[in-house]
Amino acid sequence: MLQYLEYPFFRQALVAVLLLSVCSAVIGTYIISRRLVAISGGVTHACFGGLGLGYFLGLNPVLMAAVFAIGSSVGVEVLSRRFRLREDSAIAVVWALGMALGVLFVFMTPGYVPELNAFLFGNILTVSSSDLWAFGIFAAVLAVFVAWKRRQIVAVAFDPDFSAVSGLPVRFISYAMTVLVAVCIVLTIRLVGIMLLMSMMSLPMITAEVFWHRFTPIAIASAVFSAVASLGGLFLSTVIDVPCSALIVLILAVFFVVAKIIKACPLCTDRP
């Protein structure tokens, strides 16, 4: 398997999954703490509307997906705060609307949409150097923002109401993290696809929560779980010739099952 490291596209895929592991760990820990796992699915499916519009207008589909992702994520915040709509209901609105628009624009696009399957199911091996630069810049921005506002992000994630009473900038943190979630989702679409992205944003975190209950340890453990699963899925896919993204999610699911078994084992706990 090491012979594949000689190929530039495989090395780029390797760097991409490692960047994805770190970024999705931070973003995923935030949305898990906010109990907003569904927002990753809602924004991801809303991106489908942007992809369809991009193909229909002949524009860059990823750029249009980014516009839809940021618009839908901010829309969830606006609907839940200004119009007093429950966040899960607001997510359902943007989810359904994005998918409906995507289907409509793809159907109206003349001819066959060749890259649609890559966005739906992901293809890590098609990641280009420009994609890596974009993801690297995003990772740097995310790291700087989290390091700058870590305590406030943790407070807002676990208890936004108490944070607001305490005078913290809840609205700024919420909107900033929402935009970062949207951008992360857009940059990740080509890696694991729309269908499997929600798993990358949740499975490593709920696995880490089996053993840890604080924000930072959960984020670190999630990054480790994601990196191991991503590397394992990438190398294993070259052996058995199946989609890498599916293997990554399966490995993460195995990690979760094993973690629950270990936690439930009487020999591994302090219970008599």
C-alpha atoms as a PDB file:
ATOM      1  CA  MET A   1       0.000   0.000   0.000  1.00  0.00           C
ATOM      2  CA  LEU A   2       2.914   2.339   0.605  1.00  0.00           C
ATOM      3  CA  GLN A   3       3.591   2.401  -3.114  1.00  0.00           C
ATOM      4  CA  TYR A   4       0.525   4.615  -3.526  1.00  0.00           C
ATOM      5  CA  LEU A   5       2.366   7.390  -1.694  1.00  0.00           C
ATOM      6  CA  GLU A   6       4.387   7.877  -4.874  1.00  0.00           C
ATOM      7  CA  TYR A   7       1.312   9.322  -6.593  1.00  0.00           C
ATOM      8  CA  PRO A   8       0.573  13.041  -6.050  1.00  0.00           C
ATOM      9  CA  PHE A   9      -3.203  12.551  -6.013  1.00  0.00           C
ATOM     10  CA  PHE A  10      -2.920   9.998  -3.204  1.00  0.00           C
ATOM     11  CA  ARG A  11      -0.695  12.267  -1.129  1.00  0.00           C
ATOM     12  CA  GLN A  12      -3.178  15.102  -1.627  1.00  0.00           C
ATOM     13  CA  ALA A  13      -5.990  12.818  -0.485  1.00  0.00           C
ATOM     14  CA  LEU A  14      -3.926  11.885   2.570  1.00  0.00           C
ATOM     15  CA  VAL A  15      -3.427  15.516   3.555  1.00  0.00           C
ATOM     16  CA  ALA A  16      -7.101  16.231   2.866  1.00  0.00           C
ATOM     17  CA  VAL A  17      -8.414  13.544   5.226  1.00  0.00           C
ATOM     18  CA  LEU A  18      -6.072  14.714   7.985  1.00  0.00           C
ATOM     19  CA  LEU A  19      -7.250  18.320   7.613  1.00  0.00           C
ATOM     20  CA  LEU A  20     -10.827  17.070   7.523  1.00  0.00           C
ATOM     21  CA  SER A  21     -10.288  15.099  10.729  1.00  0.00           C
ATOM     22  CA  VAL A  22      -9.107  18.131  12.673  1.00  0.00           C
ATOM     23  CA  CYS A  23     -11.674  20.594  11.328  1.00  0.00           C
ATOM     24  CA  SER A  24     -14.643  18.241  11.606  1.00  0.00           C
ATOM     25  CA  ALA A  25     -13.608  17.393  15.181  1.00  0.00           C
ATOM     26  CA  VAL A  26     -13.782  21.043  16.273  1.00  0.00           C
ATOM     27  CA  ILE A  27     -16.938  21.817  14.302  1.00  0.00           C
ATOM     28  CA  GLY A  28     -18.596  18.537  15.272  1.00  0.00           C
ATOM     29  CA  THR A  29     -17.877  19.002  18.972  1.00  0.00           C
ATOM     30  CA  TYR A  30     -19.545  22.414  18.831  1.00  0.00           C
ATOM     31  CA  ILE A  31     -22.711  21.211  17.104  1.00  0.00           C
ATOM     32  CA  ILE A  32     -22.908  18.139  19.348  1.00  0.00           C
ATOM     33  CA  SER A  33     -22.615  20.373  22.419  1.00  0.00           C
ATOM     34  CA  ARG A  34     -25.312  22.692  21.024  1.00  0.00           C
ATOM     35  CA  ARG A  35     -27.464  19.634  20.241  1.00  0.00           C
ATOM     36  CA  LEU A  36     -27.583  20.743  16.631  1.00  0.00           C
ATOM     37  CA  VAL A  37     -26.407  17.595  14.883  1.00  0.00           C
ATOM     38  CA  ALA A  38     -29.216  17.980  12.385  1.00  0.00           C
ATOM     39  CA  ILE A  39     -27.824  21.329  11.224  1.00  0.00           C
ATOM     40  CA  SER A  40     -24.998  19.525   9.446  1.00  0.00           C
ATOM     41  CA  GLY A  41     -27.563  17.502   7.512  1.00  0.00           C
ATOM     42  CA  GLY A  42     -29.758  20.530   6.883  1.00  0.00           C
ATOM     43  CA  VAL A  43     -26.959  22.746   5.588  1.00  0.00           C
ATOM     44  CA  THR A  44     -25.461  19.858   3.621  1.00  0.00           C
ATOM     45  CA  HIS A  45     -28.711  19.168   1.812  1.00  0.00           C
ATOM     46  CA  ALA A  46     -29.294  22.898   1.338  1.00  0.00           C
ATOM     47  CA  CYS A  47     -25.959  22.923  -0.523  1.00  0.00           C
ATOM     48  CA  PHE A  48     -27.589  20.693  -3.113  1.00  0.00           C
ATOM     49  CA  GLY A  49     -29.687  23.682  -4.147  1.00  0.00           C
ATOM     50  CA  GLY A  50     -26.525  25.710  -4.709  1.00  0.00           C
ATOM     51  CA  LEU A  51     -24.928  22.906  -6.705  1.00  0.00           C
ATOM     52  CA  GLY A  52     -27.993  22.654  -8.922  1.00  0.00           C
ATOM     53  CA  LEU A  53     -28.141  26.417  -9.443  1.00  0.00           C
ATOM     54  CA  GLY A  54     -24.445  26.506 -10.285  1.00  0.00           C
ATOM     55  CA  TYR A  55     -24.825  23.839 -12.961  1.00  0.00           C
ATOM     56  CA  PHE A  56     -27.963  25.504 -14.326  1.00  0.00           C
ATOM     57  CA  LEU A  57     -26.323  28.943 -14.628  1.00  0.00           C
ATOM     58  CA  GLY A  58     -22.960  27.566 -15.754  1.00  0.00           C
ATOM     59  CA  LEU A  59     -21.199  28.943 -12.657  1.00  0.00           C
ATOM     60  CA  ASN A  60     -18.842  27.296 -10.201  1.00  0.00           C
ATOM     61  CA  PRO A  61     -21.102  24.822  -8.339  1.00  0.00           C
ATOM     62  CA  VAL A  62     -18.907  24.801  -5.224  1.00  0.00           C
ATOM     63  CA  LEU A  63     -19.074  28.603  -4.984  1.00  0.00           C
ATOM     64  CA  MET A  64     -22.855  28.545  -5.325  1.00  0.00           C
ATOM     65  CA  ALA A  65     -23.032  25.747  -2.753  1.00  0.00           C
ATOM     66  CA  ALA A  66     -21.046  27.964  -0.367  1.00  0.00           C
ATOM     67  CA  VAL A  67     -23.532  30.797  -0.880  1.00  0.00           C
ATOM     68  CA  PHE A  68     -26.443  28.455  -0.160  1.00  0.00           C
ATOM     69  CA  ALA A  69     -24.669  26.902   2.839  1.00  0.00           C
ATOM     70  CA  ILE A  70     -23.890  30.223   4.512  1.00  0.00           C
ATOM     71  CA  GLY A  71     -27.334  31.591   3.652  1.00  0.00           C
ATOM     72  CA  SER A  72     -29.126  28.537   5.013  1.00  0.00           C
ATOM     73  CA  SER A  73     -27.048  28.353   8.195  1.00  0.00           C
ATOM     74  CA  VAL A  74     -27.604  32.048   8.922  1.00  0.00           C
ATOM     75  CA  GLY A  75     -31.254  31.539   7.995  1.00  0.00           C
ATOM     76  CA  VAL A  76     -31.590  28.886  10.693  1.00  0.00           C
ATOM     77  CA  GLU A  77     -30.245  31.340  13.272  1.00  0.00           C
ATOM     78  CA  VAL A  78     -32.567  34.115  12.062  1.00  0.00           C
ATOM     79  CA  LEU A  79     -35.645  31.880  12.024  1.00  0.00           C
ATOM     80  CA  SER A  80     -34.921  30.515  15.483  1.00  0.00           C
ATOM     81  CA  ARG A  81     -34.051  33.863  17.103  1.00  0.00           C
ATOM     82  CA  ARG A  82     -36.145  36.497  15.350  1.00  0.00           C
ATOM     83  CA  PHE A  83     -39.206  34.447  14.437  1.00  0.00           C
ATOM     84  CA  ARG A  84     -39.102  32.201  17.535  1.00  0.00           C
ATOM     85  CA  LEU A  85     -39.112  29.061  15.411  1.00  0.00           C
ATOM     86  CA  ARG A  86     -37.603  25.964  16.988  1.00  0.00           C
ATOM     87  CA  GLU A  87     -34.139  25.245  15.614  1.00  0.00           C
ATOM     88  CA  ASP A  88     -35.040  21.726  14.502  1.00  0.00           C
ATOM     89  CA  SER A  89     -38.044  23.119  12.619  1.00  0.00           C
ATOM     90  CA  ALA A  90     -35.888  25.816  11.001  1.00  0.00           C
ATOM     91  CA  ILE A  91     -33.369  23.151   9.943  1.00  0.00           C
ATOM     92  CA  ALA A  92     -36.189  21.106   8.402  1.00  0.00           C
ATOM     93  CA  VAL A  93     -37.263  24.147   6.372  1.00  0.00           C
ATOM     94  CA  VAL A  94     -33.823  24.814   4.842  1.00  0.00           C
ATOM     95  CA  TRP A  95     -33.244  21.055   4.374  1.00  0.00           C
ATOM     96  CA  ALA A  96     -36.409  20.571   2.328  1.00  0.00           C
ATOM     97  CA  LEU A  97     -36.078  23.849   0.427  1.00  0.00           C
ATOM     98  CA  GLY A  98     -32.457  23.185  -0.544  1.00  0.00           C
ATOM     99  CA  MET A  99     -33.170  19.677  -1.808  1.00  0.00           C
ATOM    100  CA  ALA A 100     -36.236  20.850  -3.731  1.00  0.00           C
ATOM    101  CA  LEU A 101     -34.308  23.645  -5.443  1.00  0.00           C
ATOM    102  CA  GLY A 102     -31.421  21.289  -6.201  1.00  0.00           C
ATOM    103  CA  VAL A 103     -33.676  18.729  -7.867  1.00  0.00           C
ATOM    104  CA  LEU A 104     -35.432  21.493  -9.824  1.00  0.00           C
ATOM    105  CA  PHE A 105     -32.240  23.104 -11.157  1.00  0.00           C
ATOM    106  CA  VAL A 106     -30.554  19.781 -11.968  1.00  0.00           C
ATOM    107  CA  PHE A 107     -33.652  18.698 -13.905  1.00  0.00           C
ATOM    108  CA  MET A 108     -33.677  22.013 -15.817  1.00  0.00           C
ATOM    109  CA  THR A 109     -29.949  21.815 -16.647  1.00  0.00           C
ATOM    110  CA  PRO A 110     -29.472  20.712 -20.273  1.00  0.00           C
ATOM    111  CA  GLY A 111     -27.614  17.428 -20.724  1.00  0.00           C
ATOM    112  CA  TYR A 112     -26.013  15.237 -18.069  1.00  0.00           C
ATOM    113  CA  VAL A 113     -24.475  16.617 -14.884  1.00  0.00           C
ATOM    114  CA  PRO A 114     -21.181  14.696 -14.776  1.00  0.00           C
ATOM    115  CA  GLU A 115     -19.838  15.631 -11.340  1.00  0.00           C
ATOM    116  CA  LEU A 116     -23.067  15.277  -9.383  1.00  0.00           C
ATOM    117  CA  ASN A 117     -22.229  11.803  -8.064  1.00  0.00           C
ATOM    118  CA  ALA A 118     -18.930  13.122  -6.690  1.00  0.00           C
ATOM    119  CA  PHE A 119     -20.809  15.675  -4.608  1.00  0.00           C
ATOM    120  CA  LEU A 120     -23.455  13.169  -3.515  1.00  0.00           C
ATOM    121  CA  PHE A 121     -21.122  10.321  -2.551  1.00  0.00           C
ATOM    122  CA  GLY A 122     -17.678  11.947  -2.403  1.00  0.00           C
ATOM    123  CA  ASN A 123     -14.414  11.143  -4.101  1.00  0.00           C
ATOM    124  CA  ILE A 124     -11.380  11.979  -2.016  1.00  0.00           C
ATOM    125  CA  LEU A 125      -8.956  11.037  -4.765  1.00  0.00           C
ATOM    126  CA  THR A 126     -10.200  13.930  -6.924  1.00  0.00           C
ATOM    127  CA  VAL A 127      -9.095  16.583  -4.412  1.00  0.00           C
ATOM    128  CA  SER A 128      -6.842  19.111  -6.122  1.00  0.00           C
ATOM    129  CA  SER A 129      -4.038  21.284  -4.765  1.00  0.00           C
ATOM    130  CA  SER A 130      -6.349  24.320  -4.884  1.00  0.00           C
ATOM    131  CA  ASP A 131      -8.854  22.424  -2.721  1.00  0.00           C
ATOM    132  CA  LEU A 132      -6.073  21.714  -0.231  1.00  0.00           C
ATOM    133  CA  TRP A 133      -5.073  25.368  -0.118  1.00  0.00           C
ATOM    134  CA  ALA A 134      -8.677  26.381   0.505  1.00  0.00           C
ATOM    135  CA  PHE A 135      -9.081  23.816   3.253  1.00  0.00           C
ATOM    136  CA  GLY A 136      -5.728  24.759   4.776  1.00  0.00           C
ATOM    137  CA  ILE A 137      -6.706  28.440   4.916  1.00  0.00           C
ATOM    138  CA  PHE A 138     -10.029  27.510   6.492  1.00  0.00           C
ATOM    139  CA  ALA A 139      -8.268  25.301   9.059  1.00  0.00           C
ATOM    140  CA  ALA A 140      -5.989  28.209   9.988  1.00  0.00           C
ATOM    141  CA  VAL A 141      -8.933  30.619  10.340  1.00  0.00           C
ATOM    142  CA  LEU A 142     -10.837  28.092  12.438  1.00  0.00           C
ATOM    143  CA  ALA A 143      -7.825  27.482  14.700  1.00  0.00           C
ATOM    144  CA  VAL A 144      -7.245  31.206  15.243  1.00  0.00           C
ATOM    145  CA  PHE A 145     -10.903  31.907  16.014  1.00  0.00           C
ATOM    146  CA  VAL A 146     -11.257  28.958  18.403  1.00  0.00           C
ATOM    147  CA  ALA A 147      -8.030  29.888  20.198  1.00  0.00           C
ATOM    148  CA  TRP A 148      -9.235  33.506  20.471  1.00  0.00           C
ATOM    149  CA  LYS A 149     -12.780  32.747  21.708  1.00  0.00           C
ATOM    150  CA  ARG A 150     -12.416  29.244  23.169  1.00  0.00           C
ATOM    151  CA  ARG A 151     -13.951  29.952  26.574  1.00  0.00           C
ATOM    152  CA  GLN A 152     -16.865  31.862  25.067  1.00  0.00           C
ATOM    153  CA  ILE A 153     -17.449  29.181  22.423  1.00  0.00           C
ATOM    154  CA  VAL A 154     -17.573  26.490  25.115  1.00  0.00           C
ATOM    155  CA  ALA A 155     -19.953  28.548  27.258  1.00  0.00           C
ATOM    156  CA  VAL A 156     -22.304  29.285  24.353  1.00  0.00           C
ATOM    157  CA  ALA A 157     -22.183  25.681  23.167  1.00  0.00           C
ATOM    158  CA  PHE A 158     -23.279  24.225  26.511  1.00  0.00           C
ATOM    159  CA  ASP A 159     -25.623  26.951  27.804  1.00  0.00           C
ATOM    160  CA  PRO A 160     -26.416  29.867  25.457  1.00  0.00           C
ATOM    161  CA  ASP A 161     -29.146  31.261  27.731  1.00  0.00           C
ATOM    162  CA  PHE A 162     -26.881  31.537  30.777  1.00  0.00           C
ATOM    163  CA  SER A 163     -24.134  32.934  28.546  1.00  0.00           C
ATOM    164  CA  ALA A 164     -26.477  35.688  27.364  1.00  0.00           C
ATOM    165  CA  VAL A 165     -27.435  36.550  30.941  1.00  0.00           C
ATOM    166  CA  SER A 166     -23.726  36.638  31.826  1.00  0.00           C
ATOM    167  CA  GLY A 167     -23.100  39.268  29.159  1.00  0.00           C
ATOM    168  CA  LEU A 168     -21.204  37.097  26.682  1.00  0.00           C
ATOM    169  CA  PRO A 169     -21.522  37.921  22.937  1.00  0.00           C
ATOM    170  CA  VAL A 170     -23.808  34.971  22.269  1.00  0.00           C
ATOM    171  CA  ARG A 171     -25.156  36.313  18.983  1.00  0.00           C
ATOM    172  CA  PHE A 172     -21.678  36.979  17.580  1.00  0.00           C
ATOM    173  CA  ILE A 173     -20.370  33.552  18.642  1.00  0.00           C
ATOM    174  CA  SER A 174     -23.446  31.782  17.292  1.00  0.00           C
ATOM    175  CA  TYR A 175     -23.348  33.485  13.905  1.00  0.00           C
ATOM    176  CA  ALA A 176     -19.577  33.130  13.563  1.00  0.00           C
ATOM    177  CA  MET A 177     -19.619  29.425  14.408  1.00  0.00           C
ATOM    178  CA  THR A 178     -22.633  28.911  12.149  1.00  0.00           C
ATOM    179  CA  VAL A 179     -20.749  30.418   9.210  1.00  0.00           C
ATOM    180  CA  LEU A 180     -17.677  28.284  10.018  1.00  0.00           C
ATOM    181  CA  VAL A 181     -19.892  25.180  10.119  1.00  0.00           C
ATOM    182  CA  ALA A 182     -21.303  26.088   6.697  1.00  0.00           C
ATOM    183  CA  VAL A 183     -17.883  26.697   5.146  1.00  0.00           C
ATOM    184  CA  CYS A 184     -16.531  23.450   6.601  1.00  0.00           C
ATOM    185  CA  ILE A 185     -19.473  21.557   5.122  1.00  0.00           C
ATOM    186  CA  VAL A 186     -18.935  23.072   1.668  1.00  0.00           C
ATOM    187  CA  LEU A 187     -15.219  22.273   1.687  1.00  0.00           C
ATOM    188  CA  THR A 188     -15.947  18.730   2.859  1.00  0.00           C
ATOM    189  CA  ILE A 189     -18.612  17.855   0.299  1.00  0.00           C
ATOM    190  CA  ARG A 190     -16.120  16.661  -2.295  1.00  0.00           C
ATOM    191  CA  LEU A 191     -14.287  14.564   0.296  1.00  0.00           C
ATOM    192  CA  VAL A 192     -17.089  12.447   1.743  1.00  0.00           C
ATOM    193  CA  GLY A 193     -20.153  13.632  -0.159  1.00  0.00           C
ATOM    194  CA  ILE A 194     -23.515  14.977   0.912  1.00  0.00           C
ATOM    195  CA  MET A 195     -24.838  11.568   1.952  1.00  0.00           C
ATOM    196  CA  LEU A 196     -22.105  10.745   4.477  1.00  0.00           C
ATOM    197  CA  LEU A 197     -21.064  14.146   5.785  1.00  0.00           C
ATOM    198  CA  MET A 198     -23.380  14.060   8.813  1.00  0.00           C
ATOM    199  CA  SER A 199     -21.625  10.934  10.061  1.00  0.00           C
ATOM    200  CA  MET A 200     -18.232  12.655   9.967  1.00  0.00           C
ATOM    201  CA  MET A 201     -19.687  15.495  12.016  1.00  0.00           C
ATOM    202  CA  SER A 202     -21.204  13.278  14.710  1.00  0.00           C
ATOM    203  CA  LEU A 203     -19.813   9.743  15.058  1.00  0.00           C
ATOM    204  CA  PRO A 204     -16.310  10.667  16.328  1.00  0.00           C
ATOM    205  CA  MET A 205     -17.819  13.074  18.868  1.00  0.00           C
ATOM    206  CA  ILE A 206     -20.399  10.704  20.326  1.00  0.00           C
ATOM    207  CA  THR A 207     -17.642   8.078  20.537  1.00  0.00           C
ATOM    208  CA  ALA A 208     -15.425  10.495  22.462  1.00  0.00           C
ATOM    209  CA  GLU A 209     -18.356  11.399  24.732  1.00  0.00           C
ATOM    210  CA  VAL A 210     -18.407   7.809  25.969  1.00  0.00           C
ATOM    211  CA  PHE A 211     -15.161   8.482  27.864  1.00  0.00           C
ATOM    212  CA  TRP A 212     -14.882  12.287  28.147  1.00  0.00           C
ATOM    213  CA  HIS A 213     -17.352  15.064  29.002  1.00  0.00           C
ATOM    214  CA  ARG A 214     -15.386  18.275  28.503  1.00  0.00           C
ATOM    215  CA  PHE A 215     -15.187  20.249  25.256  1.00  0.00           C
ATOM    216  CA  THR A 216     -11.423  20.174  24.669  1.00  0.00           C
ATOM    217  CA  PRO A 217     -10.823  16.457  25.430  1.00  0.00           C
ATOM    218  CA  ILE A 218     -13.792  15.531  23.260  1.00  0.00           C
ATOM    219  CA  ALA A 219     -12.450  17.625  20.366  1.00  0.00           C
ATOM    220  CA  ILE A 220      -8.958  16.126  20.663  1.00  0.00           C
ATOM    221  CA  ALA A 221     -10.226  12.548  20.931  1.00  0.00           C
ATOM    222  CA  SER A 222     -12.599  13.141  18.009  1.00  0.00           C
ATOM    223  CA  ALA A 223      -9.718  14.358  15.862  1.00  0.00           C
ATOM    224  CA  VAL A 224      -7.739  11.208  16.713  1.00  0.00           C
ATOM    225  CA  PHE A 225     -10.686   8.905  15.966  1.00  0.00           C
ATOM    226  CA  SER A 226     -11.381  10.716  12.693  1.00  0.00           C
ATOM    227  CA  ALA A 227      -7.723  10.640  11.627  1.00  0.00           C
ATOM    228  CA  VAL A 228      -7.337   6.915  12.336  1.00  0.00           C
ATOM    229  CA  ALA A 229     -10.611   6.077  10.574  1.00  0.00           C
ATOM    230  CA  SER A 230      -9.799   8.332   7.624  1.00  0.00           C
ATOM    231  CA  LEU A 231      -6.314   6.899   7.125  1.00  0.00           C
ATOM    232  CA  GLY A 232      -7.620   3.365   7.564  1.00  0.00           C
ATOM    233  CA  GLY A 233     -10.449   3.936   5.099  1.00  0.00           C
ATOM    234  CA  LEU A 234      -8.150   5.560   2.555  1.00  0.00           C
ATOM    235  CA  PHE A 235      -5.579   2.774   2.588  1.00  0.00           C
ATOM    236  CA  LEU A 236      -8.177  -0.002   2.840  1.00  0.00           C
ATOM    237  CA  SER A 237     -10.081   1.364  -0.155  1.00  0.00           C
ATOM    238  CA  THR A 238      -6.977   0.887  -2.317  1.00  0.00           C
ATOM    239  CA  VAL A 239      -6.933  -2.806  -1.383  1.00  0.00           C
ATOM    240  CA  ILE A 240     -10.578  -3.811  -1.731  1.00  0.00           C
ATOM    241  CA  ASP A 241     -11.543  -1.144  -4.308  1.00  0.00           C
ATOM    242  CA  VAL A 242     -14.618   0.350  -2.612  1.00  0.00           C
ATOM    243  CA  PRO A 243     -15.489   4.007  -1.918  1.00  0.00           C
ATOM    244  CA  CYS A 244     -13.236   5.456   0.755  1.00  0.00           C
ATOM    245  CA  SER A 245     -15.959   7.596   2.349  1.00  0.00           C
ATOM    246  CA  ALA A 246     -18.145   4.564   3.088  1.00  0.00           C
ATOM    247  CA  LEU A 247     -15.231   2.751   4.739  1.00  0.00           C
ATOM    248  CA  ILE A 248     -14.424   5.776   6.901  1.00  0.00           C
ATOM    249  CA  VAL A 249     -17.961   5.913   8.257  1.00  0.00           C
ATOM    250  CA  LEU A 250     -18.043   2.152   8.840  1.00  0.00           C
ATOM    251  CA  ILE A 251     -14.779   2.318  10.785  1.00  0.00           C
ATOM    252  CA  LEU A 252     -16.135   5.192  12.866  1.00  0.00           C
ATOM    253  CA  ALA A 253     -19.265   3.148  13.596  1.00  0.00           C
ATOM    254  CA  VAL A 254     -17.075   0.256  14.736  1.00  0.00           C
ATOM    255  CA  PHE A 255     -15.162   2.640  17.027  1.00  0.00           C
ATOM    256  CA  PHE A 256     -18.445   3.710  18.627  1.00  0.00           C
ATOM    257  CA  VAL A 257     -19.643   0.140  19.188  1.00  0.00           C
ATOM    258  CA  VAL A 258     -16.288  -0.869  20.674  1.00  0.00           C
ATOM    259  CA  ALA A 259     -16.285   2.199  22.930  1.00  0.00           C
ATOM    260  CA  LYS A 260     -19.742   1.336  24.269  1.00  0.00           C
ATOM    261  CA  ILE A 261     -18.678  -2.266  24.875  1.00  0.00           C
ATOM    262  CA  ILE A 262     -15.547  -1.144  26.742  1.00  0.00           C
ATOM    263  CA  LYS A 263     -17.569   1.330  28.820  1.00  0.00           C
ATOM    264  CA  ALA A 264     -20.139  -1.314  29.702  1.00  0.00           C
ATOM    265  CA  CYS A 265     -17.523  -3.924  30.668  1.00  0.00           C
ATOM    266  CA  PRO A 266     -17.447  -4.349  34.483  1.00  0.00           C
ATOM    267  CA  LEU A 267     -13.675  -4.820  34.407  1.00  0.00           C
ATOM    268  CA  CYS A 268     -13.241  -1.400  32.766  1.00  0.00           C
ATOM    269  CA  THR A 269     -15.355   0.590  35.221  1.00  0.00           C
ATOM    270  CA  ASP A 270     -15.319   1.405  38.906  1.00  0.00           C
ATOM    271  CA  ARG A 271     -18.700  -0.170  39.444  1.00  0.00           C
ATOM    272  CA  PRO A 272     -18.791  -3.342  41.597  1.00  0.00           C
END
